[in-house]
Amino acid sequence: MFTATFRMFLTIIDSIEGFVQPYVDQVIDLLQGLPVWTQGLVVLALGIFTIVGLVVFIKKFIKLFLVLAILGVIGYFVWTKTDILQNLLGSLTGAITGPNILHFLLRVSPF
């Protein structure tokens, strides 16, 4: 199973590399025709662009990470310290639960 997943991953990587490689070659050929100081400025600009992008990514998604952490803590305390969820699950004894839900989904699915 691991080798099949690994081979599929390598196939995806090869496809992406085959698509991107001509553009990388064009950029490298362009950079090789420039003086050394210009090449240094281009590499410096790419480095600054990468760092700024990383900072913007962290700023954008830190709120999502905090909200998920808070929801996880609330869920943990509700599950372990109270009987709310156990009472809710216990009151659903006539509902579609467990193996019955699989039977229900197979019966109503269009496939």
Protein backbone atom coordinates (compact mmCIF):
# COMPACT_ATOMS: atom_id res chain seq x y z
CA MET A 1 0.00 0.00 0.00
CA PHE A 2 2.81 2.40 0.87
CA THR A 3 4.63 1.77 -2.41
CA ALA A 4 1.46 2.41 -4.45
CA THR A 5 0.92 5.73 -2.69
CA PHE A 6 4.59 6.60 -3.12
CA ARG A 7 4.45 5.80 -6.85
CA MET A 8 1.33 7.91 -7.28
CA PHE A 9 3.05 10.77 -5.45
CA LEU A 10 6.09 10.43 -7.73
CA THR A 11 3.84 10.50 -10.78
CA ILE A 12 2.24 13.73 -9.60
CA ILE A 13 5.67 15.25 -8.91
CA ASP A 14 6.90 14.20 -12.37
CA SER A 15 3.86 15.81 -14.00
CA ILE A 16 4.39 19.08 -12.14
CA GLU A 17 8.12 19.04 -12.90
CA GLY A 18 7.45 18.40 -16.59
CA PHE A 19 5.10 21.39 -16.69
CA VAL A 20 7.34 23.80 -14.75
CA GLN A 21 10.77 22.77 -16.10
CA PRO A 22 10.65 24.80 -19.37
CA TYR A 23 9.86 27.96 -17.42
CA VAL A 24 12.68 27.30 -14.96
CA ASP A 25 15.08 26.80 -17.88
CA GLN A 26 13.98 30.10 -19.43
CA VAL A 27 14.55 31.99 -16.17
CA ILE A 28 17.98 30.40 -15.65
CA ASP A 29 19.00 31.26 -19.22
CA LEU A 30 17.83 34.85 -18.68
CA LEU A 31 19.75 35.15 -15.40
CA GLN A 32 22.94 33.72 -16.89
CA GLY A 33 22.98 36.53 -19.46
CA LEU A 34 22.91 39.23 -16.78
CA PRO A 35 25.86 40.65 -14.82
CA VAL A 36 26.67 39.15 -11.42
CA TRP A 37 25.41 42.14 -9.43
CA THR A 38 22.05 41.98 -11.21
CA GLN A 39 21.80 38.26 -10.47
CA GLY A 40 22.45 39.07 -6.80
CA LEU A 41 19.71 41.71 -6.80
CA VAL A 42 17.25 39.23 -8.35
CA VAL A 43 18.09 36.57 -5.75
CA LEU A 44 17.76 39.17 -2.96
CA ALA A 45 14.37 40.33 -4.30
CA LEU A 46 13.16 36.72 -4.47
CA GLY A 47 14.31 36.15 -0.89
CA ILE A 48 12.51 39.25 0.37
CA PHE A 49 9.38 38.26 -1.58
CA THR A 50 9.48 34.80 0.01
CA ILE A 51 9.89 36.15 3.55
CA VAL A 52 7.07 38.68 3.09
CA GLY A 53 4.83 35.96 1.69
CA LEU A 54 5.54 33.72 4.66
CA VAL A 55 4.73 36.52 7.10
CA VAL A 56 1.47 37.32 5.29
CA PHE A 57 0.52 33.61 5.32
CA ILE A 58 1.14 33.39 9.06
CA LYS A 59 -0.85 36.57 9.70
CA LYS A 60 -3.80 35.38 7.62
CA PHE A 61 -4.11 31.92 9.09
CA ILE A 62 -3.18 32.51 12.73
CA LYS A 63 -6.81 33.42 13.42
CA LEU A 64 -7.99 30.13 11.94
CA PHE A 65 -5.51 28.17 14.05
CA LEU A 66 -6.60 30.02 17.21
CA VAL A 67 -10.30 29.45 16.53
CA LEU A 68 -9.72 25.74 15.89
CA ALA A 69 -7.68 25.44 19.08
CA ILE A 70 -10.39 27.15 21.13
CA LEU A 71 -13.10 24.95 19.61
CA GLY A 72 -10.99 21.89 20.35
CA VAL A 73 -10.58 22.87 24.00
CA ILE A 74 -14.30 23.55 24.31
CA GLY A 75 -15.09 20.20 22.71
CA TYR A 76 -12.66 18.42 25.02
CA PHE A 77 -14.20 19.93 28.14
CA VAL A 78 -17.76 19.30 26.96
CA TRP A 79 -16.90 15.68 26.17
CA THR A 80 -14.92 14.87 29.32
CA LYS A 81 -16.28 17.15 32.06
CA THR A 82 -20.01 17.19 31.37
CA ASP A 83 -22.75 14.73 30.51
CA ILE A 84 -24.27 16.86 27.75
CA LEU A 85 -23.04 14.81 24.80
CA GLN A 86 -23.65 11.48 26.51
CA ASN A 87 -27.24 12.52 27.26
CA LEU A 88 -27.76 13.68 23.69
CA LEU A 89 -26.37 10.46 22.24
CA GLY A 90 -28.39 8.41 24.72
CA SER A 91 -31.62 10.15 23.72
CA LEU A 92 -31.11 9.21 20.07
CA THR A 93 -31.92 5.54 20.61
CA GLY A 94 -34.55 5.41 17.86
CA ALA A 95 -32.53 7.33 15.32
CA ILE A 96 -30.33 6.02 12.54
CA THR A 97 -27.05 5.20 14.29
CA GLY A 98 -24.24 2.68 14.05
CA PRO A 99 -24.55 -0.08 11.44
CA ASN A 100 -28.07 1.05 10.52
CA ILE A 101 -26.75 4.25 9.00
CA LEU A 102 -24.57 2.30 6.56
CA HIS A 103 -27.59 0.23 5.50
CA PHE A 104 -29.63 3.43 5.13
CA LEU A 105 -26.98 5.19 3.04
CA LEU A 106 -26.54 2.19 0.76
CA ARG A 107 -30.27 1.90 0.26
CA VAL A 108 -30.85 5.56 -0.64
CA SER A 109 -27.69 6.14 -2.68
CA PRO A 110 -28.19 6.47 -6.44
CA PHE A 111 -25.28 4.15 -7.27
